[in-house]
Amino acid sequence: MDIADTNGHSGLRDPGAAVNDRGAGHHNLEMITVRTMSPRKATTVLLCAALGLLTGVTPAQATPAGESAHCPQLDPGLPWHGDNRAKLQRMIDERGRCAGKPGPRPVAVFDWDNTVIKNDITDATLAWALKHDKILRPQSWTSTSKWLSPAADQALTAACGTATPVGRPLPTSANTACTDEIMEIRERSRTMGGAAAFVGDWNHRRTEPSYVWVPNLFAGHTPATLMSFARKARAEQLRAPIGAKQTVGTHTIAGYIRYYDQQKDLIRTLRRAGFEVYIVSASAEPIAEAWSGGVGVSRGHTIGIRNQTRHGRLTTESFGCGDDPDALPYIDGKRCLVNQEIFGVQGKAAWNQQDPAHRIALGAGDADTDVTFVADATGAHLALNRNKPELMCRAYDNADGRWLPNPMFIDPMPAKTGPYPCSTAGAVHPDGTRGPLLRADGTVIPDQQDR
């Protein structure tokens, strides 16, 4: 059983109801409470937090045999690249409960796919749903995305047909053409015929149409039902051997997922040391919640793409962030959601880097989609290397001396041939073009070799 299954949650949150709590700093409740209560009571709460009582960790769990009563330790038997484990331990010791500093609990935030686990939970859930006829026919395919191109609408309509009544399951397990169109749009943002699947204008640092399109495909289901699909996919993926592939239509994708032992240990150690640990993922929130309990992160600390509901069922409208209704947990959108959901920053201000007291201590990610929130961390920036230019340019430049590049723990990618083009094309701009990647002081990051 997942740890999250035993943490007192009953039933899936209604995203429509949860947004108001989160927007008011719901995830930072203990921090806000400590700031506003009397000094004597604040001291009591902080002492309880140090013992793990506010995180659901018993004192016995907080100090296992052989571990210091004050400084929880990372497992020395789990290999990390270079001296990354020692640097992470130093950050934990300096920021965690063993430091004895008063004030709010430090925060650590992790991306999910290929950061905490190997492979992708959205791909796994979509594949399972297509194989089990769980996608409901929409009123029109254009209703699934305001950026869906006419070519994609025509391709989906032709491949999936109109015989299935609206709101009923499409027979995707038998209809290879329909499955292939959906998978091609998910993977490459194009139709099987090669036409662009999404057109129009969007902020390329705040949203990605293909990312939000997949949650929209589950419109008509309840959040709990989508979570059940993800749990079934999870069981299959964890049973499959490492390296397994699966065929969906005629597309071949990864057929297994594994939690990284190092990340499970890091998250466990952070929580024992008094950190608040969150997941911020570009997966649909019910899908991310089906997985996050496996590393001890509760559903209340799991942030994903949150679709609005109507009469208890998911719609194709999602909640944005700050003052942008289209924003997703994507590049700058992840910073916005961290600021809004964890620190309670509202409106336009949520897009700005906050003062150090209102920023995370540790950020961990694997892709350019994570670079902004990972860079915001004040203690350590953990970068799992998947040869993504904006993230790895910052990691190897290491402007503040706190970047920790690390190969993936399972089946790491080979070193990139040639330098990362940091000085010319390291950054993606809001209009989708690329340009030089700048440091905080405005200087250009030089091209970096993959080390």
Protein backbone atom coordinates (compact mmCIF):
# COMPACT_ATOMS: atom_id res chain seq x y z
CA MET A 1 0.00 0.00 0.00
CA ASP A 2 1.25 3.50 -0.80
CA ILE A 3 2.11 5.74 2.11
CA ALA A 4 -0.37 8.25 0.73
CA ASP A 5 -3.11 5.68 1.12
CA THR A 6 -2.70 5.80 4.89
CA ASN A 7 -2.30 9.53 5.45
CA GLY A 8 -5.89 10.35 6.22
CA HIS A 9 -7.14 11.39 2.79
CA SER A 10 -10.54 10.00 1.93
CA GLY A 11 -11.47 10.09 -1.73
CA LEU A 12 -9.99 12.23 -4.46
CA ARG A 13 -9.94 15.98 -4.07
CA ASP A 14 -12.35 17.86 -6.29
CA PRO A 15 -9.92 20.09 -8.25
CA GLY A 16 -12.51 22.85 -8.40
CA ALA A 17 -12.77 22.94 -4.63
CA ALA A 18 -9.05 22.51 -4.02
CA VAL A 19 -7.94 25.48 -6.06
CA ASN A 20 -9.21 28.03 -3.55
CA ASP A 21 -7.43 26.36 -0.65
CA ARG A 22 -4.23 26.07 -2.62
CA GLY A 23 -4.44 29.59 -3.93
CA ALA A 24 -4.59 30.78 -0.35
CA GLY A 25 -1.38 28.95 0.50
CA HIS A 26 -3.03 25.66 1.44
CA HIS A 27 0.21 23.72 1.02
CA ASN A 28 2.03 26.08 3.36
CA LEU A 29 -0.47 25.77 6.21
CA GLU A 30 2.07 24.81 8.87
CA MET A 31 4.35 27.68 7.83
CA ILE A 32 1.56 30.25 7.93
CA THR A 33 0.32 28.89 11.25
CA VAL A 34 3.77 29.12 12.81
CA ARG A 35 4.16 32.70 11.63
CA THR A 36 0.84 33.86 13.07
CA MET A 37 0.58 32.00 16.40
CA SER A 38 2.09 33.06 19.70
CA PRO A 39 5.87 32.58 20.16
CA ARG A 40 5.31 29.90 22.82
CA LYS A 41 2.88 27.92 20.67
CA ALA A 42 5.09 28.41 17.60
CA THR A 43 7.98 26.88 19.52
CA THR A 44 5.80 23.89 20.42
CA VAL A 45 4.73 23.40 16.81
CA LEU A 46 8.30 23.64 15.55
CA LEU A 47 9.41 21.09 18.12
CA CYS A 48 6.63 18.76 17.00
CA ALA A 49 7.66 19.27 13.40
CA ALA A 50 11.24 18.44 14.33
CA LEU A 51 10.01 15.15 15.75
CA GLY A 52 8.12 14.44 12.55
CA LEU A 53 4.71 14.68 14.20
CA LEU A 54 3.39 17.14 11.60
CA THR A 55 4.50 14.97 8.69
CA GLY A 56 3.01 11.73 9.89
CA VAL A 57 6.46 10.32 10.74
CA THR A 58 6.75 8.77 14.16
CA PRO A 59 9.83 9.42 16.33
CA ALA A 60 10.88 5.82 15.75
CA GLN A 61 10.70 6.37 12.00
CA ALA A 62 12.53 9.66 12.27
CA THR A 63 15.63 8.10 13.86
CA PRO A 64 16.23 4.54 12.65
CA ALA A 65 18.91 2.41 14.24
CA GLY A 66 22.40 3.74 13.64
CA GLU A 67 21.22 7.19 12.56
CA SER A 68 21.99 10.39 14.38
CA ALA A 69 19.07 11.60 16.47
CA HIS A 70 19.53 15.05 14.96
CA CYS A 71 20.80 14.71 11.39
CA PRO A 72 19.09 12.08 9.20
CA GLN A 73 21.57 10.62 6.75
CA LEU A 74 21.37 9.64 3.11
CA ASP A 75 22.08 5.96 2.48
CA PRO A 76 25.83 5.66 1.75
CA GLY A 77 25.17 2.40 -0.11
CA LEU A 78 23.29 4.13 -2.93
CA PRO A 79 25.62 5.49 -5.63
CA TRP A 80 25.52 9.12 -6.69
CA HIS A 81 27.67 10.89 -9.26
CA GLY A 82 30.86 12.41 -7.89
CA ASP A 83 30.36 14.10 -4.53
CA ASN A 84 26.66 14.89 -5.07
CA ARG A 85 25.54 12.79 -2.12
CA ALA A 86 27.91 14.65 0.21
CA LYS A 87 26.72 18.02 -1.11
CA LEU A 88 23.09 17.05 -0.68
CA GLN A 89 23.82 15.83 2.85
CA ARG A 90 25.51 19.11 3.68
CA MET A 91 22.47 21.03 2.44
CA ILE A 92 20.16 18.81 4.51
CA ASP A 93 22.32 19.34 7.59
CA GLU A 94 22.43 23.11 7.06
CA ARG A 95 18.74 23.61 6.28
CA GLY A 96 17.04 20.77 8.15
CA ARG A 97 15.97 20.35 11.76
CA CYS A 98 19.46 19.40 12.93
CA ALA A 99 20.59 22.97 12.21
CA GLY A 100 18.32 24.15 15.04
CA LYS A 101 17.26 27.31 13.21
CA PRO A 102 13.87 28.85 14.04
CA GLY A 103 11.37 29.67 11.35
CA PRO A 104 9.27 27.89 8.74
CA ARG A 105 10.21 24.41 7.58
CA PRO A 106 12.38 24.34 4.44
CA VAL A 107 10.77 23.20 1.20
CA ALA A 108 12.03 20.74 -1.41
CA VAL A 109 10.29 20.38 -4.77
CA PHE A 110 10.78 17.59 -7.29
CA ASP A 111 9.64 17.19 -10.85
CA TRP A 112 8.26 13.68 -11.37
CA ASP A 113 8.88 11.97 -14.73
CA ASN A 114 12.53 10.96 -15.16
CA THR A 115 13.40 12.86 -11.97
CA VAL A 116 11.86 10.69 -9.25
CA ILE A 117 11.09 7.80 -11.58
CA LYS A 118 12.40 6.39 -14.84
CA ASN A 119 10.02 7.02 -17.80
CA ASP A 120 6.67 8.80 -18.05
CA ILE A 121 3.43 8.26 -16.12
CA THR A 122 1.28 10.22 -18.60
CA ASP A 123 2.44 8.02 -21.47
CA ALA A 124 1.80 4.93 -19.34
CA THR A 125 -1.71 6.02 -18.36
CA LEU A 126 -2.69 7.09 -21.88
CA ALA A 127 -1.39 3.80 -23.29
CA TRP A 128 -3.38 1.80 -20.73
CA ALA A 129 -6.51 3.83 -21.46
CA LEU A 130 -6.22 3.34 -25.22
CA LYS A 131 -5.72 -0.40 -24.79
CA HIS A 132 -8.80 -0.60 -22.55
CA ASP A 133 -11.19 1.71 -24.45
CA LYS A 134 -11.32 4.43 -21.79
CA ILE A 135 -11.27 7.57 -23.98
CA LEU A 136 -14.78 8.98 -24.36
CA ARG A 137 -15.74 10.39 -27.74
CA PRO A 138 -15.81 14.20 -27.49
CA GLN A 139 -18.55 16.38 -28.93
CA SER A 140 -15.90 17.50 -31.39
CA TRP A 141 -12.15 17.06 -31.39
CA THR A 142 -11.70 20.83 -31.48
CA SER A 143 -13.26 20.93 -28.02
CA THR A 144 -10.21 19.09 -26.65
CA SER A 145 -7.87 22.02 -27.32
CA LYS A 146 -8.32 25.59 -28.47
CA TRP A 147 -5.06 25.19 -30.39
CA LEU A 148 -5.98 21.97 -32.20
CA SER A 149 -5.42 22.48 -35.93
CA PRO A 150 -8.07 21.83 -38.60
CA ALA A 151 -5.76 19.14 -39.97
CA ALA A 152 -5.69 17.35 -36.60
CA ASP A 153 -9.45 17.67 -36.21
CA GLN A 154 -9.96 16.10 -39.64
CA ALA A 155 -7.42 13.35 -39.02
CA LEU A 156 -8.93 12.38 -35.65
CA THR A 157 -12.47 12.48 -37.00
CA ALA A 158 -11.53 10.29 -39.97
CA ALA A 159 -9.52 7.80 -37.89
CA CYS A 160 -11.81 7.53 -34.88
CA GLY A 161 -15.08 7.81 -36.80
CA THR A 162 -18.48 9.10 -35.78
CA ALA A 163 -20.28 5.83 -35.13
CA THR A 164 -19.59 5.92 -31.38
CA PRO A 165 -22.12 8.14 -29.58
CA VAL A 166 -20.73 11.26 -27.95
CA GLY A 167 -19.67 10.50 -24.39
CA ARG A 168 -19.26 6.77 -25.00
CA PRO A 169 -15.90 4.92 -25.08
CA LEU A 170 -14.06 4.90 -28.38
CA PRO A 171 -13.00 1.35 -29.42
CA THR A 172 -9.33 2.28 -29.49
CA SER A 173 -8.15 -1.21 -28.51
CA ALA A 174 -9.30 -2.44 -31.92
CA ASN A 175 -9.05 0.78 -33.95
CA THR A 176 -5.35 1.13 -34.64
CA ALA A 177 -5.83 4.21 -36.82
CA CYS A 178 -7.54 6.15 -34.02
CA THR A 179 -4.94 5.09 -31.48
CA ASP A 180 -2.13 6.06 -33.81
CA GLU A 181 -3.49 9.56 -34.40
CA ILE A 182 -3.80 10.14 -30.65
CA MET A 183 -0.31 8.80 -29.94
CA GLU A 184 1.30 10.76 -32.77
CA ILE A 185 -0.25 14.00 -31.53
CA ARG A 186 0.84 13.21 -27.97
CA GLU A 187 4.41 12.32 -28.95
CA ARG A 188 5.20 14.69 -31.82
CA SER A 189 2.44 17.33 -31.94
CA ARG A 190 1.62 16.30 -35.48
CA THR A 191 -0.81 14.03 -37.30
CA MET A 192 0.09 10.72 -38.84
CA GLY A 193 0.09 12.58 -42.15
CA GLY A 194 2.73 14.99 -40.85
CA ALA A 195 0.55 18.10 -40.40
CA ALA A 196 0.99 20.32 -37.33
CA ALA A 197 -1.51 19.28 -34.67
CA PHE A 198 -1.53 22.62 -32.84
CA VAL A 199 -1.59 26.12 -34.31
CA GLY A 200 -1.97 29.64 -32.99
CA ASP A 201 -0.21 31.66 -30.32
CA TRP A 202 0.75 30.59 -26.82
CA ASN A 203 3.50 31.47 -24.36
CA HIS A 204 6.13 28.78 -24.89
CA ARG A 205 7.50 29.27 -21.38
CA ARG A 206 4.14 28.79 -19.73
CA THR A 207 2.27 26.13 -21.65
CA GLU A 208 2.58 23.30 -24.15
CA PRO A 209 -0.62 22.33 -26.02
CA SER A 210 0.27 18.64 -26.30
CA TYR A 211 0.78 18.46 -22.51
CA VAL A 212 -2.67 19.78 -21.62
CA TRP A 213 -4.32 17.88 -24.47
CA VAL A 214 -3.87 14.50 -22.76
CA PRO A 215 -5.71 15.46 -19.53
CA ASN A 216 -8.45 16.91 -21.74
CA LEU A 217 -8.90 13.52 -23.42
CA PHE A 218 -10.19 12.21 -20.08
CA ALA A 219 -13.02 14.76 -19.93
CA GLY A 220 -16.25 13.10 -18.84
CA HIS A 221 -14.57 10.85 -16.28
CA THR A 222 -14.40 11.70 -12.59
CA PRO A 223 -11.00 12.54 -11.10
CA ALA A 224 -11.24 9.35 -9.05
CA THR A 225 -11.80 7.30 -12.20
CA LEU A 226 -8.76 8.83 -13.88
CA MET A 227 -6.74 8.09 -10.78
CA SER A 228 -7.91 4.45 -10.94
CA PHE A 229 -6.70 4.24 -14.56
CA ALA A 230 -3.31 5.56 -13.45
CA ARG A 231 -3.11 3.05 -10.62
CA LYS A 232 -3.81 0.16 -12.99
CA ALA A 233 -1.19 1.42 -15.40
CA ARG A 234 1.20 1.82 -12.47
CA ALA A 235 0.77 -1.80 -11.42
CA GLU A 236 1.53 -3.00 -14.95
CA GLN A 237 4.54 -0.73 -15.35
CA LEU A 238 6.10 -1.73 -12.03
CA ARG A 239 5.67 -5.44 -12.84
CA ALA A 240 7.28 -5.16 -16.27
CA PRO A 241 11.04 -5.84 -16.44
CA ILE A 242 13.46 -2.95 -16.82
CA GLY A 243 13.95 -2.23 -20.51
CA ALA A 244 10.51 -3.51 -21.53
CA LYS A 245 8.73 -1.85 -24.46
CA GLN A 246 5.05 -1.76 -25.33
CA THR A 247 3.22 -1.24 -28.61
CA VAL A 248 0.29 1.17 -28.71
CA GLY A 249 -1.29 1.16 -32.14
CA THR A 250 1.86 0.99 -34.23
CA HIS A 251 3.82 3.20 -31.82
CA THR A 252 6.50 1.66 -29.60
CA ILE A 253 7.08 3.33 -26.24
CA ALA A 254 8.64 2.44 -22.88
CA GLY A 255 6.79 -0.38 -21.15
CA TYR A 256 8.17 -0.10 -17.63
CA ILE A 257 8.58 2.47 -14.87
CA ARG A 258 10.78 2.34 -11.78
CA TYR A 259 11.14 4.58 -8.77
CA TYR A 260 14.74 5.68 -8.39
CA ASP A 261 16.10 4.27 -5.11
CA GLN A 262 18.31 7.35 -4.68
CA GLN A 263 15.37 9.72 -4.97
CA LYS A 264 13.21 7.66 -2.63
CA ASP A 265 16.04 7.81 -0.10
CA LEU A 266 16.57 11.53 -0.66
CA ILE A 267 12.89 12.32 -0.19
CA ARG A 268 12.68 10.11 2.89
CA THR A 269 15.75 11.78 4.40
CA LEU A 270 14.46 15.26 3.63
CA ARG A 271 11.16 14.52 5.34
CA ARG A 272 12.92 13.09 8.39
CA ALA A 273 15.03 16.22 8.50
CA GLY A 274 11.90 18.38 8.67
CA PHE A 275 11.56 19.46 5.05
CA GLU A 276 8.21 19.91 3.36
CA VAL A 277 8.47 17.86 0.16
CA TYR A 278 6.31 18.52 -2.91
CA ILE A 279 5.93 17.13 -6.40
CA VAL A 280 5.21 19.50 -9.30
CA SER A 281 4.44 17.65 -12.51
CA ALA A 282 3.07 18.39 -15.98
CA SER A 283 0.93 15.25 -15.70
CA ALA A 284 -2.76 15.45 -14.87
CA GLU A 285 -2.95 15.85 -11.12
CA PRO A 286 -4.95 12.63 -10.48
CA ILE A 287 -2.32 10.70 -12.45
CA ALA A 288 0.54 12.21 -10.44
CA GLU A 289 -1.34 11.54 -7.20
CA ALA A 290 -1.62 7.86 -8.10
CA TRP A 291 2.18 7.64 -8.04
CA SER A 292 3.49 10.16 -5.50
CA GLY A 293 2.51 8.12 -2.46
CA GLY A 294 5.16 5.58 -3.47
CA VAL A 295 7.81 8.00 -2.20
CA GLY A 296 5.83 9.19 0.81
CA VAL A 297 4.50 12.41 -0.73
CA SER A 298 0.83 12.98 0.03
CA ARG A 299 -1.76 13.98 -2.53
CA GLY A 300 -2.01 17.38 -0.87
CA HIS A 301 1.67 17.91 -1.70
CA THR A 302 1.30 16.80 -5.32
CA ILE A 303 0.77 19.54 -7.92
CA GLY A 304 -0.12 18.76 -11.54
CA ILE A 305 -2.34 19.92 -14.37
CA ARG A 306 -5.66 20.50 -12.66
CA ASN A 307 -8.75 20.35 -14.86
CA GLN A 308 -11.96 21.98 -13.75
CA THR A 309 -14.93 19.76 -13.00
CA ARG A 310 -18.62 20.04 -13.76
CA HIS A 311 -21.07 17.86 -11.84
CA GLY A 312 -18.07 15.98 -10.48
CA ARG A 313 -16.63 15.14 -13.91
CA LEU A 314 -13.51 16.46 -15.58
CA THR A 315 -13.88 19.10 -18.28
CA THR A 316 -11.44 20.36 -20.92
CA GLU A 317 -10.88 23.58 -18.96
CA SER A 318 -7.88 23.68 -16.66
CA PHE A 319 -6.96 26.06 -13.88
CA GLY A 320 -4.09 28.32 -14.87
CA CYS A 321 -1.70 30.15 -12.59
CA GLY A 322 -1.28 33.73 -11.47
CA ASP A 323 -2.97 35.97 -14.02
CA ASP A 324 -2.64 33.48 -16.91
CA PRO A 325 -5.55 31.02 -17.40
CA ASP A 326 -3.52 29.01 -19.94
CA ALA A 327 -0.51 28.41 -17.70
CA LEU A 328 0.57 24.86 -16.92
CA PRO A 329 3.28 23.34 -14.71
CA TYR A 330 5.70 24.02 -17.57
CA ILE A 331 8.99 25.99 -17.45
CA ASP A 332 8.06 29.35 -15.88
CA GLY A 333 4.62 27.93 -15.08
CA LYS A 334 6.23 25.59 -12.55
CA ARG A 335 7.72 28.56 -10.71
CA CYS A 336 4.31 30.22 -10.73
CA LEU A 337 2.61 27.16 -9.26
CA VAL A 338 5.32 26.69 -6.62
CA ASN A 339 4.90 30.33 -5.59
CA GLN A 340 1.11 30.19 -5.68
CA GLU A 341 0.39 26.75 -4.25
CA ILE A 342 3.18 26.45 -1.68
CA PHE A 343 3.97 30.03 -0.66
CA GLY A 344 0.57 31.61 -1.26
CA VAL A 345 1.73 34.28 -3.72
CA GLN A 346 -1.24 35.49 -5.75
CA GLY A 347 -1.82 37.05 -9.14
CA LYS A 348 0.87 38.47 -11.39
CA ALA A 349 3.45 38.40 -8.59
CA ALA A 350 3.49 34.58 -8.72
CA TRP A 351 5.57 34.77 -11.92
CA ASN A 352 8.43 36.56 -10.17
CA GLN A 353 11.33 35.01 -8.33
CA GLN A 354 10.60 35.57 -4.64
CA ASP A 355 12.90 36.64 -1.84
CA PRO A 356 15.05 33.85 -0.36
CA ALA A 357 12.70 33.36 2.61
CA HIS A 358 9.91 32.46 0.20
CA ARG A 359 11.83 30.15 -2.10
CA ILE A 360 12.52 26.45 -2.06
CA ALA A 361 15.71 25.06 -0.56
CA LEU A 362 16.05 22.18 -3.02
CA GLY A 363 14.76 21.86 -6.59
CA ALA A 364 15.16 18.72 -8.69
CA GLY A 365 14.37 18.23 -12.38
CA ASP A 366 15.50 16.56 -15.58
CA ALA A 367 14.39 18.84 -18.42
CA ASP A 368 14.08 22.41 -19.66
CA THR A 369 10.49 22.29 -18.39
CA ASP A 370 11.94 22.31 -14.86
CA VAL A 371 14.74 24.83 -15.20
CA THR A 372 13.05 27.89 -13.69
CA PHE A 373 11.88 26.39 -10.41
CA VAL A 374 15.07 24.34 -10.02
CA ALA A 375 17.13 27.51 -10.51
CA ASP A 376 15.05 29.26 -7.82
CA ALA A 377 16.32 26.88 -5.12
CA THR A 378 18.56 28.53 -2.54
CA GLY A 379 20.31 25.39 -1.27
CA ALA A 380 20.83 22.92 -4.14
CA HIS A 381 19.77 22.50 -7.78
CA LEU A 382 19.71 18.78 -8.66
CA ALA A 383 19.73 18.26 -12.45
CA LEU A 384 19.19 14.75 -13.81
CA ASN A 385 20.99 14.77 -17.16
CA ARG A 386 18.83 14.03 -20.20
CA ASN A 387 20.87 16.31 -22.46
CA LYS A 388 18.31 19.13 -22.24
CA PRO A 389 20.10 22.36 -23.17
CA GLU A 390 18.63 25.05 -20.91
CA LEU A 391 18.83 22.90 -17.79
CA MET A 392 22.29 21.51 -18.48
CA CYS A 393 23.73 24.87 -19.55
CA ARG A 394 22.78 26.25 -16.15
CA ALA A 395 23.95 23.11 -14.36
CA TYR A 396 27.40 23.08 -15.95
CA ASP A 397 27.82 26.87 -15.74
CA ASN A 398 27.09 26.48 -12.01
CA ALA A 399 26.93 30.22 -11.41
CA ASP A 400 26.16 29.97 -7.68
CA GLY A 401 28.19 26.81 -6.98
CA ARG A 402 25.08 24.87 -5.95
CA TRP A 403 24.22 22.97 -9.15
CA LEU A 404 24.48 19.18 -8.98
CA PRO A 405 24.33 17.54 -12.43
CA ASN A 406 23.78 13.80 -12.16
CA PRO A 407 23.23 11.04 -14.73
CA MET A 408 19.89 9.25 -14.64
CA PHE A 409 20.10 6.41 -12.15
CA ILE A 410 18.71 3.80 -14.56
CA ASP A 411 19.87 3.54 -18.17
CA PRO A 412 21.58 6.95 -18.28
CA MET A 413 21.92 8.75 -21.59
CA PRO A 414 25.29 8.86 -23.34
CA ALA A 415 27.27 12.06 -23.15
CA LYS A 416 26.18 14.69 -25.65
CA THR A 417 28.47 15.00 -28.63
CA GLY A 418 29.52 18.59 -29.11
CA PRO A 419 28.80 21.47 -26.74
CA TYR A 420 25.41 22.69 -25.56
CA PRO A 421 24.63 25.88 -27.57
CA CYS A 422 24.15 27.99 -24.45
CA SER A 423 25.47 31.23 -25.96
CA THR A 424 23.29 31.13 -29.07
CA ALA A 425 20.24 28.89 -28.53
CA GLY A 426 20.24 27.88 -24.88
CA ALA A 427 16.99 29.64 -23.93
CA VAL A 428 13.50 29.27 -25.36
CA HIS A 429 11.63 32.57 -25.67
CA PRO A 430 7.89 33.07 -25.04
CA ASP A 431 7.28 33.10 -28.81
CA GLY A 432 9.03 29.75 -29.25
CA THR A 433 12.25 31.08 -30.78
CA ARG A 434 15.59 30.35 -29.14
CA GLY A 435 18.36 32.70 -28.10
CA PRO A 436 21.33 33.14 -25.73
CA LEU A 437 20.91 31.95 -22.16
CA LEU A 438 21.68 34.65 -19.61
CA ARG A 439 22.87 34.53 -16.03
CA ALA A 440 21.09 36.54 -13.34
CA ASP A 441 23.58 39.40 -13.90
CA GLY A 442 22.75 39.56 -17.62
CA THR A 443 25.97 37.98 -18.90
CA VAL A 444 25.75 35.22 -21.50
CA ILE A 445 26.44 31.65 -20.45
CA PRO A 446 29.18 30.26 -22.70
CA ASP A 447 28.67 26.96 -24.49
CA GLN A 448 29.17 23.99 -22.16
CA GLN A 449 30.56 20.53 -22.73
CA ASP A 450 28.63 17.57 -21.37
CA ARG A 451 30.75 16.30 -18.52
